[in-house]
Amino acid sequence: MQVIESVAAFRQAYDAAAKPLGLVPTMGFLHEGHMALVHRAREENATAAVSIFVNPTQFGPSEDFATYPRDMDSDLAKLEEAGVDLVLAPTVDEVYPAGFDTHVDVGRIGERLEGEHRAGHFHGVATVVCKLLTIVRPNRAYFGQKDAQQCLVVQRLNEDLNLGAEIVVCPTVRDSDGLALSSRNVYLSADERVAALSLNRSLRLAQELHSQGESDAPHIRQRMHELITTSPLADIDYISIADANNLNELDTIDRPALVSLAVRIGKTRLIDNVII
């Protein structure tokens, strides 16, 4: 396994690598959700590549960039065991050299939900993903459904700028208790971990109501809100039931809908979603 820090060195490794090449972009502190993407990339491509880069431009000034969990030694051991060929682990200065002054704006799809509650977040996401797809030039790039809006942003970016990768969206990986795996779960105390289960329970409630014939989106949102707020540790940022293709909020569920939410459990902000 080659671990590469510079763009120039990765370009040389790309030229020598067997194709097709699959890329899993990550911010490190790898868990089984990440590794599910890695295993699929390994299975479907002649060369499996992973990027590890905690991207400062997608964090707001009051967010957790400085304290975001990192463990490069553990990450590399997991990737070596999984049979990864190439790891791109650049420094911030390598990705954003002196004088860097460009960002990518994907338009309306990035202005809703996370974009509304985390100003500038998707400028940072779209810019770094554009750079990674340009540097690595993968045939396929793998993303997790847990970050559903990010997947839509990346698909729009890839299509609009003709970046040429096949964007593969893989199912959310959950712990045995239903909590979606996230690097930020490590922040949760024992009591907060219990409270965090309300996210998945509320999504399952939405699925159940819809399966019983309920199509009134405001009613489902209200029922989800009631369930989550039974915990005093939970503070809801948003609950959304939106068109799964463009994230326009729905009054009536008459098409595939993304049910998504962001909730602060104590100081930890968690997101989750399902499609109904």
C-alpha atoms as a PDB file:
ATOM      1  CA  MET A   1       0.000   0.000   0.000  1.00  0.00           C
ATOM      2  CA  GLN A   2       1.387   3.376  -1.028  1.00  0.00           C
ATOM      3  CA  VAL A   3       0.711   6.349   1.240  1.00  0.00           C
ATOM      4  CA  ILE A   4       1.105   9.558  -0.737  1.00  0.00           C
ATOM      5  CA  GLU A   5       1.036  13.149   0.487  1.00  0.00           C
ATOM      6  CA  SER A   6       1.594  15.184  -2.657  1.00  0.00           C
ATOM      7  CA  VAL A   7      -0.538  15.724  -5.739  1.00  0.00           C
ATOM      8  CA  ALA A   8       2.438  15.248  -8.049  1.00  0.00           C
ATOM      9  CA  ALA A   9       3.349  11.898  -6.504  1.00  0.00           C
ATOM     10  CA  PHE A  10      -0.238  10.708  -6.703  1.00  0.00           C
ATOM     11  CA  ARG A  11      -0.372  11.578 -10.382  1.00  0.00           C
ATOM     12  CA  GLN A  12       2.661   9.351 -10.947  1.00  0.00           C
ATOM     13  CA  ALA A  13       1.039   6.522  -8.986  1.00  0.00           C
ATOM     14  CA  TYR A  14      -2.165   6.956 -10.995  1.00  0.00           C
ATOM     15  CA  ASP A  15      -0.315   6.531 -14.272  1.00  0.00           C
ATOM     16  CA  ALA A  16       1.130   3.224 -13.051  1.00  0.00           C
ATOM     17  CA  ALA A  17      -2.076   1.926 -11.459  1.00  0.00           C
ATOM     18  CA  ALA A  18      -4.319  -0.714 -13.011  1.00  0.00           C
ATOM     19  CA  LYS A  19      -7.740   0.525 -14.084  1.00  0.00           C
ATOM     20  CA  PRO A  20     -10.550   0.836 -13.229  1.00  0.00           C
ATOM     21  CA  LEU A  21      -9.706   2.809 -10.115  1.00  0.00           C
ATOM     22  CA  GLY A  22     -12.181   3.320  -7.274  1.00  0.00           C
ATOM     23  CA  LEU A  23     -11.881   6.145  -4.735  1.00  0.00           C
ATOM     24  CA  VAL A  24     -13.335   6.412  -1.231  1.00  0.00           C
ATOM     25  CA  PRO A  25     -12.992  10.020   0.008  1.00  0.00           C
ATOM     26  CA  THR A  26     -12.850  10.214   3.837  1.00  0.00           C
ATOM     27  CA  MET A  27     -11.892  12.517   6.667  1.00  0.00           C
ATOM     28  CA  GLY A  28     -10.289   9.609   8.482  1.00  0.00           C
ATOM     29  CA  PHE A  29     -11.047   8.138  11.930  1.00  0.00           C
ATOM     30  CA  LEU A  30     -12.392   5.205   9.962  1.00  0.00           C
ATOM     31  CA  HIS A  31     -15.310   3.095  11.206  1.00  0.00           C
ATOM     32  CA  GLU A  32     -17.249   0.208   9.674  1.00  0.00           C
ATOM     33  CA  GLY A  33     -19.325   2.612   7.597  1.00  0.00           C
ATOM     34  CA  HIS A  34     -16.190   3.819   5.849  1.00  0.00           C
ATOM     35  CA  MET A  35     -14.857   0.292   5.572  1.00  0.00           C
ATOM     36  CA  ALA A  36     -18.037  -0.899   3.842  1.00  0.00           C
ATOM     37  CA  LEU A  37     -17.273   1.652   1.124  1.00  0.00           C
ATOM     38  CA  VAL A  38     -13.637   0.532   1.020  1.00  0.00           C
ATOM     39  CA  HIS A  39     -14.582  -3.140   0.667  1.00  0.00           C
ATOM     40  CA  ARG A  40     -16.949  -2.340  -2.181  1.00  0.00           C
ATOM     41  CA  ALA A  41     -14.305  -0.251  -3.939  1.00  0.00           C
ATOM     42  CA  ARG A  42     -11.862  -3.135  -3.515  1.00  0.00           C
ATOM     43  CA  GLU A  43     -14.355  -5.633  -4.974  1.00  0.00           C
ATOM     44  CA  GLU A  44     -15.356  -3.543  -7.976  1.00  0.00           C
ATOM     45  CA  ASN A  45     -12.024  -2.098  -9.155  1.00  0.00           C
ATOM     46  CA  ALA A  46      -8.542  -3.182 -10.115  1.00  0.00           C
ATOM     47  CA  THR A  47      -7.117  -0.414  -7.915  1.00  0.00           C
ATOM     48  CA  ALA A  48      -8.671   0.769  -4.640  1.00  0.00           C
ATOM     49  CA  ALA A  49      -7.749   4.255  -3.431  1.00  0.00           C
ATOM     50  CA  VAL A  50      -8.740   6.107  -0.262  1.00  0.00           C
ATOM     51  CA  SER A  51      -8.221   9.755   0.588  1.00  0.00           C
ATOM     52  CA  ILE A  52      -7.814  10.903   4.192  1.00  0.00           C
ATOM     53  CA  PHE A  53      -8.180  14.653   4.585  1.00  0.00           C
ATOM     54  CA  VAL A  54      -9.967  16.632   7.291  1.00  0.00           C
ATOM     55  CA  ASN A  55     -11.161  19.472   5.105  1.00  0.00           C
ATOM     56  CA  PRO A  56     -11.095  22.808   6.955  1.00  0.00           C
ATOM     57  CA  THR A  57     -13.255  24.654   4.421  1.00  0.00           C
ATOM     58  CA  GLN A  58     -16.384  22.626   5.226  1.00  0.00           C
ATOM     59  CA  PHE A  59     -16.270  23.503   8.935  1.00  0.00           C
ATOM     60  CA  GLY A  60     -17.827  26.688  10.275  1.00  0.00           C
ATOM     61  CA  PRO A  61     -15.904  28.977  12.687  1.00  0.00           C
ATOM     62  CA  SER A  62     -17.712  27.542  15.734  1.00  0.00           C
ATOM     63  CA  GLU A  63     -17.535  23.902  14.591  1.00  0.00           C
ATOM     64  CA  ASP A  64     -15.184  21.094  15.555  1.00  0.00           C
ATOM     65  CA  PHE A  65     -12.361  21.208  12.979  1.00  0.00           C
ATOM     66  CA  ALA A  66      -9.623  21.467  15.623  1.00  0.00           C
ATOM     67  CA  THR A  67     -11.065  18.656  17.748  1.00  0.00           C
ATOM     68  CA  TYR A  68     -12.378  16.407  14.958  1.00  0.00           C
ATOM     69  CA  PRO A  69     -11.196  12.876  15.851  1.00  0.00           C
ATOM     70  CA  ARG A  70      -8.062  11.721  14.060  1.00  0.00           C
ATOM     71  CA  ASP A  71      -6.056   8.470  14.205  1.00  0.00           C
ATOM     72  CA  MET A  72      -3.890   8.075  11.137  1.00  0.00           C
ATOM     73  CA  ASP A  73      -1.991   5.008  12.381  1.00  0.00           C
ATOM     74  CA  SER A  74      -5.221   3.088  13.030  1.00  0.00           C
ATOM     75  CA  ASP A  75      -6.689   4.228   9.709  1.00  0.00           C
ATOM     76  CA  LEU A  76      -3.680   3.032   7.718  1.00  0.00           C
ATOM     77  CA  ALA A  77      -3.681  -0.333   9.500  1.00  0.00           C
ATOM     78  CA  LYS A  78      -7.337  -0.869   8.603  1.00  0.00           C
ATOM     79  CA  LEU A  79      -6.773   0.115   4.983  1.00  0.00           C
ATOM     80  CA  GLU A  80      -3.722  -2.136   4.679  1.00  0.00           C
ATOM     81  CA  GLU A  81      -5.738  -5.073   6.005  1.00  0.00           C
ATOM     82  CA  ALA A  82      -8.537  -4.305   3.544  1.00  0.00           C
ATOM     83  CA  GLY A  83      -6.158  -4.490   0.601  1.00  0.00           C
ATOM     84  CA  VAL A  84      -6.173  -0.828  -0.394  1.00  0.00           C
ATOM     85  CA  ASP A  85      -3.553   0.076  -2.987  1.00  0.00           C
ATOM     86  CA  LEU A  86      -3.232   3.853  -2.733  1.00  0.00           C
ATOM     87  CA  VAL A  87      -3.858   6.303   0.107  1.00  0.00           C
ATOM     88  CA  LEU A  88      -3.834  10.025  -0.578  1.00  0.00           C
ATOM     89  CA  ALA A  89      -3.181  11.817   2.737  1.00  0.00           C
ATOM     90  CA  PRO A  90      -2.298  15.403   1.862  1.00  0.00           C
ATOM     91  CA  THR A  91      -1.586  18.309   4.183  1.00  0.00           C
ATOM     92  CA  VAL A  92      -3.863  21.349   4.213  1.00  0.00           C
ATOM     93  CA  ASP A  93      -1.152  23.353   2.412  1.00  0.00           C
ATOM     94  CA  GLU A  94      -0.991  20.739  -0.341  1.00  0.00           C
ATOM     95  CA  VAL A  95      -4.737  20.969  -0.997  1.00  0.00           C
ATOM     96  CA  TYR A  96      -5.016  24.721  -0.433  1.00  0.00           C
ATOM     97  CA  PRO A  97      -1.624  26.256  -1.299  1.00  0.00           C
ATOM     98  CA  ALA A  98      -0.820  29.900  -0.680  1.00  0.00           C
ATOM     99  CA  GLY A  99      -3.033  32.129  -2.802  1.00  0.00           C
ATOM    100  CA  PHE A 100      -5.807  29.545  -3.241  1.00  0.00           C
ATOM    101  CA  ASP A 101      -8.960  31.588  -3.903  1.00  0.00           C
ATOM    102  CA  THR A 102     -11.522  29.356  -5.639  1.00  0.00           C
ATOM    103  CA  HIS A 103     -14.668  27.664  -4.428  1.00  0.00           C
ATOM    104  CA  VAL A 104     -17.357  25.588  -6.110  1.00  0.00           C
ATOM    105  CA  ASP A 105     -21.022  26.549  -5.663  1.00  0.00           C
ATOM    106  CA  VAL A 106     -23.476  23.796  -6.656  1.00  0.00           C
ATOM    107  CA  GLY A 107     -26.507  26.079  -6.442  1.00  0.00           C
ATOM    108  CA  ARG A 108     -29.900  25.367  -4.900  1.00  0.00           C
ATOM    109  CA  ILE A 109     -29.234  21.732  -3.932  1.00  0.00           C
ATOM    110  CA  GLY A 110     -26.574  22.978  -1.506  1.00  0.00           C
ATOM    111  CA  GLU A 111     -28.609  25.820  -0.016  1.00  0.00           C
ATOM    112  CA  ARG A 112     -31.241  23.723   1.767  1.00  0.00           C
ATOM    113  CA  LEU A 113     -31.056  21.645   4.974  1.00  0.00           C
ATOM    114  CA  GLU A 114     -27.379  21.362   5.905  1.00  0.00           C
ATOM    115  CA  GLY A 115     -26.565  24.300   3.644  1.00  0.00           C
ATOM    116  CA  GLU A 116     -29.062  26.491   5.463  1.00  0.00           C
ATOM    117  CA  HIS A 117     -27.913  25.475   8.937  1.00  0.00           C
ATOM    118  CA  ARG A 118     -24.169  25.340   8.198  1.00  0.00           C
ATOM    119  CA  ALA A 119     -23.358  28.409   6.120  1.00  0.00           C
ATOM    120  CA  GLY A 120     -20.633  27.725   3.553  1.00  0.00           C
ATOM    121  CA  HIS A 121     -20.513  24.004   4.335  1.00  0.00           C
ATOM    122  CA  PHE A 122     -21.246  22.789   0.816  1.00  0.00           C
ATOM    123  CA  HIS A 123     -18.902  25.307  -0.778  1.00  0.00           C
ATOM    124  CA  GLY A 124     -16.187  23.499   1.176  1.00  0.00           C
ATOM    125  CA  VAL A 125     -17.510  20.025   0.376  1.00  0.00           C
ATOM    126  CA  ALA A 126     -17.969  20.706  -3.337  1.00  0.00           C
ATOM    127  CA  THR A 127     -14.580  22.363  -3.657  1.00  0.00           C
ATOM    128  CA  VAL A 128     -12.613  19.576  -1.977  1.00  0.00           C
ATOM    129  CA  VAL A 129     -14.525  16.805  -3.790  1.00  0.00           C
ATOM    130  CA  CYS A 130     -13.925  18.579  -7.098  1.00  0.00           C
ATOM    131  CA  LYS A 131     -10.213  18.696  -6.283  1.00  0.00           C
ATOM    132  CA  LEU A 132     -10.125  15.043  -5.219  1.00  0.00           C
ATOM    133  CA  LEU A 133     -11.936  13.832  -8.344  1.00  0.00           C
ATOM    134  CA  THR A 134      -9.583  15.919 -10.474  1.00  0.00           C
ATOM    135  CA  ILE A 135      -6.426  14.741  -8.690  1.00  0.00           C
ATOM    136  CA  VAL A 136      -7.354  11.055  -8.378  1.00  0.00           C
ATOM    137  CA  ARG A 137      -9.390  10.745 -11.611  1.00  0.00           C
ATOM    138  CA  PRO A 138     -11.315   7.697 -10.380  1.00  0.00           C
ATOM    139  CA  ASN A 139     -13.580   5.627 -12.550  1.00  0.00           C
ATOM    140  CA  ARG A 140     -15.856   5.257  -9.532  1.00  0.00           C
ATOM    141  CA  ALA A 141     -16.167   7.245  -6.295  1.00  0.00           C
ATOM    142  CA  TYR A 142     -17.985   5.852  -3.258  1.00  0.00           C
ATOM    143  CA  PHE A 143     -20.124   7.799  -0.795  1.00  0.00           C
ATOM    144  CA  GLY A 144     -22.469   6.784   2.037  1.00  0.00           C
ATOM    145  CA  GLN A 145     -26.221   7.360   2.028  1.00  0.00           C
ATOM    146  CA  LYS A 146     -26.030   8.668   5.621  1.00  0.00           C
ATOM    147  CA  ASP A 147     -24.789  11.933   4.093  1.00  0.00           C
ATOM    148  CA  ALA A 148     -27.695  11.998   1.643  1.00  0.00           C
ATOM    149  CA  GLN A 149     -27.537  15.671   0.762  1.00  0.00           C
ATOM    150  CA  GLN A 150     -23.783  15.437   0.252  1.00  0.00           C
ATOM    151  CA  CYS A 151     -24.413  12.607  -2.211  1.00  0.00           C
ATOM    152  CA  LEU A 152     -26.828  14.808  -4.179  1.00  0.00           C
ATOM    153  CA  VAL A 153     -24.319  17.668  -4.125  1.00  0.00           C
ATOM    154  CA  VAL A 154     -21.532  15.408  -5.404  1.00  0.00           C
ATOM    155  CA  GLN A 155     -23.752  13.940  -8.123  1.00  0.00           C
ATOM    156  CA  ARG A 156     -24.691  17.450  -9.300  1.00  0.00           C
ATOM    157  CA  LEU A 157     -21.050  18.580  -9.186  1.00  0.00           C
ATOM    158  CA  ASN A 158     -19.863  15.543 -11.121  1.00  0.00           C
ATOM    159  CA  GLU A 159     -22.556  15.907 -13.771  1.00  0.00           C
ATOM    160  CA  ASP A 160     -22.403  19.675 -14.216  1.00  0.00           C
ATOM    161  CA  LEU A 161     -18.607  19.832 -14.460  1.00  0.00           C
ATOM    162  CA  ASN A 162     -18.234  16.622 -16.511  1.00  0.00           C
ATOM    163  CA  LEU A 163     -15.760  15.169 -14.027  1.00  0.00           C
ATOM    164  CA  GLY A 164     -16.341  11.709 -15.424  1.00  0.00           C
ATOM    165  CA  ALA A 165     -16.612   9.531 -12.319  1.00  0.00           C
ATOM    166  CA  GLU A 166     -19.418   7.099 -11.602  1.00  0.00           C
ATOM    167  CA  ILE A 167     -20.790   8.199  -8.218  1.00  0.00           C
ATOM    168  CA  VAL A 168     -21.718   5.084  -6.207  1.00  0.00           C
ATOM    169  CA  VAL A 169     -23.995   5.669  -3.201  1.00  0.00           C
ATOM    170  CA  CYS A 170     -23.859   2.865  -0.624  1.00  0.00           C
ATOM    171  CA  PRO A 171     -26.371   2.093   2.148  1.00  0.00           C
ATOM    172  CA  THR A 172     -26.060   3.617   5.605  1.00  0.00           C
ATOM    173  CA  VAL A 173     -24.249   1.321   8.046  1.00  0.00           C
ATOM    174  CA  ARG A 174     -25.775   1.202  11.523  1.00  0.00           C
ATOM    175  CA  ASP A 175     -24.681  -0.105  14.888  1.00  0.00           C
ATOM    176  CA  SER A 176     -26.639  -2.992  16.414  1.00  0.00           C
ATOM    177  CA  ASP A 177     -28.873  -0.497  18.247  1.00  0.00           C
ATOM    178  CA  GLY A 178     -29.754   1.343  15.020  1.00  0.00           C
ATOM    179  CA  LEU A 179     -27.553   4.413  15.446  1.00  0.00           C
ATOM    180  CA  ALA A 180     -25.974   5.415  12.140  1.00  0.00           C
ATOM    181  CA  LEU A 181     -22.197   5.072  12.333  1.00  0.00           C
ATOM    182  CA  SER A 182     -20.392   8.411  12.465  1.00  0.00           C
ATOM    183  CA  SER A 183     -16.941   9.520  13.541  1.00  0.00           C
ATOM    184  CA  ARG A 184     -18.668  12.035  15.836  1.00  0.00           C
ATOM    185  CA  ASN A 185     -20.405   9.263  17.815  1.00  0.00           C
ATOM    186  CA  VAL A 186     -17.220   9.089  19.899  1.00  0.00           C
ATOM    187  CA  TYR A 187     -18.234  12.416  21.460  1.00  0.00           C
ATOM    188  CA  LEU A 188     -21.416  10.950  23.016  1.00  0.00           C
ATOM    189  CA  SER A 189     -21.637  10.109  26.709  1.00  0.00           C
ATOM    190  CA  ALA A 190     -23.526   6.980  27.766  1.00  0.00           C
ATOM    191  CA  ASP A 191     -26.726   8.971  28.396  1.00  0.00           C
ATOM    192  CA  GLU A 192     -26.324  10.907  25.159  1.00  0.00           C
ATOM    193  CA  ARG A 193     -25.843   7.670  23.240  1.00  0.00           C
ATOM    194  CA  VAL A 194     -29.233   6.465  24.497  1.00  0.00           C
ATOM    195  CA  ALA A 195     -30.840   9.792  23.564  1.00  0.00           C
ATOM    196  CA  ALA A 196     -29.277   9.623  20.080  1.00  0.00           C
ATOM    197  CA  LEU A 197     -31.298   6.499  19.301  1.00  0.00           C
ATOM    198  CA  SER A 198     -34.326   8.770  18.924  1.00  0.00           C
ATOM    199  CA  LEU A 199     -33.067   9.784  15.473  1.00  0.00           C
ATOM    200  CA  ASN A 200     -33.390   6.300  14.032  1.00  0.00           C
ATOM    201  CA  ARG A 201     -36.615   5.648  15.948  1.00  0.00           C
ATOM    202  CA  SER A 202     -38.182   8.770  14.460  1.00  0.00           C
ATOM    203  CA  LEU A 203     -37.163   7.719  10.945  1.00  0.00           C
ATOM    204  CA  ARG A 204     -38.645   4.274  11.478  1.00  0.00           C
ATOM    205  CA  LEU A 205     -41.828   5.972  12.725  1.00  0.00           C
ATOM    206  CA  ALA A 206     -42.017   7.950   9.480  1.00  0.00           C
ATOM    207  CA  GLN A 207     -41.615   4.730   7.485  1.00  0.00           C
ATOM    208  CA  GLU A 208     -44.305   3.014   9.535  1.00  0.00           C
ATOM    209  CA  LEU A 209     -46.787   5.871   9.192  1.00  0.00           C
ATOM    210  CA  HIS A 210     -46.208   6.029   5.452  1.00  0.00           C
ATOM    211  CA  SER A 211     -46.606   2.263   5.083  1.00  0.00           C
ATOM    212  CA  GLN A 212     -49.964   2.594   6.851  1.00  0.00           C
ATOM    213  CA  GLY A 213     -51.130   5.066   4.224  1.00  0.00           C
ATOM    214  CA  GLU A 214     -50.176   8.414   5.783  1.00  0.00           C
ATOM    215  CA  SER A 215     -49.071  10.866   3.086  1.00  0.00           C
ATOM    216  CA  ASP A 216     -49.435  14.161   4.987  1.00  0.00           C
ATOM    217  CA  ALA A 217     -45.820  15.297   5.414  1.00  0.00           C
ATOM    218  CA  PRO A 218     -46.479  17.971   8.104  1.00  0.00           C
ATOM    219  CA  HIS A 219     -48.280  15.363  10.228  1.00  0.00           C
ATOM    220  CA  ILE A 220     -45.340  12.942   9.950  1.00  0.00           C
ATOM    221  CA  ARG A 221     -42.879  15.722  10.790  1.00  0.00           C
ATOM    222  CA  GLN A 222     -44.919  16.579  13.866  1.00  0.00           C
ATOM    223  CA  ARG A 223     -44.991  12.960  15.038  1.00  0.00           C
ATOM    224  CA  MET A 224     -41.224  12.717  14.573  1.00  0.00           C
ATOM    225  CA  HIS A 225     -40.743  15.968  16.487  1.00  0.00           C
ATOM    226  CA  GLU A 226     -42.840  14.671  19.378  1.00  0.00           C
ATOM    227  CA  LEU A 227     -40.835  11.460  19.585  1.00  0.00           C
ATOM    228  CA  ILE A 228     -37.425  13.157  19.570  1.00  0.00           C
ATOM    229  CA  THR A 229     -38.301  15.854  22.086  1.00  0.00           C
ATOM    230  CA  THR A 230     -39.254  13.315  24.726  1.00  0.00           C
ATOM    231  CA  SER A 231     -35.508  13.438  25.487  1.00  0.00           C
ATOM    232  CA  PRO A 232     -34.317  16.615  27.257  1.00  0.00           C
ATOM    233  CA  LEU A 233     -30.857  16.067  25.727  1.00  0.00           C
ATOM    234  CA  ALA A 234     -32.150  16.475  22.152  1.00  0.00           C
ATOM    235  CA  ASP A 235     -32.270  19.829  20.346  1.00  0.00           C
ATOM    236  CA  ILE A 236     -33.650  19.622  16.789  1.00  0.00           C
ATOM    237  CA  ASP A 237     -32.024  21.661  14.007  1.00  0.00           C
ATOM    238  CA  TYR A 238     -34.460  20.448  11.366  1.00  0.00           C
ATOM    239  CA  ILE A 239     -36.764  17.632  10.306  1.00  0.00           C
ATOM    240  CA  SER A 240     -37.296  17.502   6.562  1.00  0.00           C
ATOM    241  CA  ILE A 241     -39.504  15.490   4.225  1.00  0.00           C
ATOM    242  CA  ALA A 242     -38.411  16.535   0.764  1.00  0.00           C
ATOM    243  CA  ASP A 243     -38.384  15.432  -2.846  1.00  0.00           C
ATOM    244  CA  ALA A 244     -35.515  12.922  -2.976  1.00  0.00           C
ATOM    245  CA  ASN A 245     -34.187  14.420  -6.205  1.00  0.00           C
ATOM    246  CA  ASN A 246     -34.172  18.168  -5.523  1.00  0.00           C
ATOM    247  CA  LEU A 247     -34.833  18.542  -1.751  1.00  0.00           C
ATOM    248  CA  ASN A 248     -37.929  20.700  -2.231  1.00  0.00           C
ATOM    249  CA  GLU A 249     -40.055  20.270   0.894  1.00  0.00           C
ATOM    250  CA  LEU A 250     -43.234  18.258   0.407  1.00  0.00           C
ATOM    251  CA  ASP A 251     -46.711  18.772   1.835  1.00  0.00           C
ATOM    252  CA  THR A 252     -47.918  15.486   0.385  1.00  0.00           C
ATOM    253  CA  ILE A 253     -45.720  12.426  -0.108  1.00  0.00           C
ATOM    254  CA  ASP A 254     -46.606  11.585  -3.707  1.00  0.00           C
ATOM    255  CA  ARG A 255     -43.099  10.757  -4.968  1.00  0.00           C
ATOM    256  CA  PRO A 256     -39.863   9.333  -3.515  1.00  0.00           C
ATOM    257  CA  ALA A 257     -39.116  11.414  -0.422  1.00  0.00           C
ATOM    258  CA  LEU A 258     -35.956  11.912   1.601  1.00  0.00           C
ATOM    259  CA  VAL A 259     -36.819  12.023   5.283  1.00  0.00           C
ATOM    260  CA  SER A 260     -33.830  13.619   6.971  1.00  0.00           C
ATOM    261  CA  LEU A 261     -32.999  15.314  10.226  1.00  0.00           C
ATOM    262  CA  ALA A 262     -30.241  16.996  12.168  1.00  0.00           C
ATOM    263  CA  VAL A 263     -30.343  16.877  15.956  1.00  0.00           C
ATOM    264  CA  ARG A 264     -27.933  18.076  18.606  1.00  0.00           C
ATOM    265  CA  ILE A 265     -27.511  15.565  21.408  1.00  0.00           C
ATOM    266  CA  GLY A 266     -25.748  17.557  24.070  1.00  0.00           C
ATOM    267  CA  LYS A 267     -22.944  19.265  22.126  1.00  0.00           C
ATOM    268  CA  THR A 268     -22.833  16.651  19.346  1.00  0.00           C
ATOM    269  CA  ARG A 269     -24.676  17.304  16.096  1.00  0.00           C
ATOM    270  CA  LEU A 270     -25.909  14.136  14.355  1.00  0.00           C
ATOM    271  CA  ILE A 271     -27.665  13.597  11.027  1.00  0.00           C
ATOM    272  CA  ASP A 272     -29.589  10.655   9.615  1.00  0.00           C
ATOM    273  CA  ASN A 273     -32.124   9.880   6.896  1.00  0.00           C
ATOM    274  CA  VAL A 274     -34.235   7.336   5.053  1.00  0.00           C
ATOM    275  CA  ILE A 275     -35.953   7.380   1.683  1.00  0.00           C
ATOM    276  CA  ILE A 276     -39.652   6.528   1.548  1.00  0.00           C
END
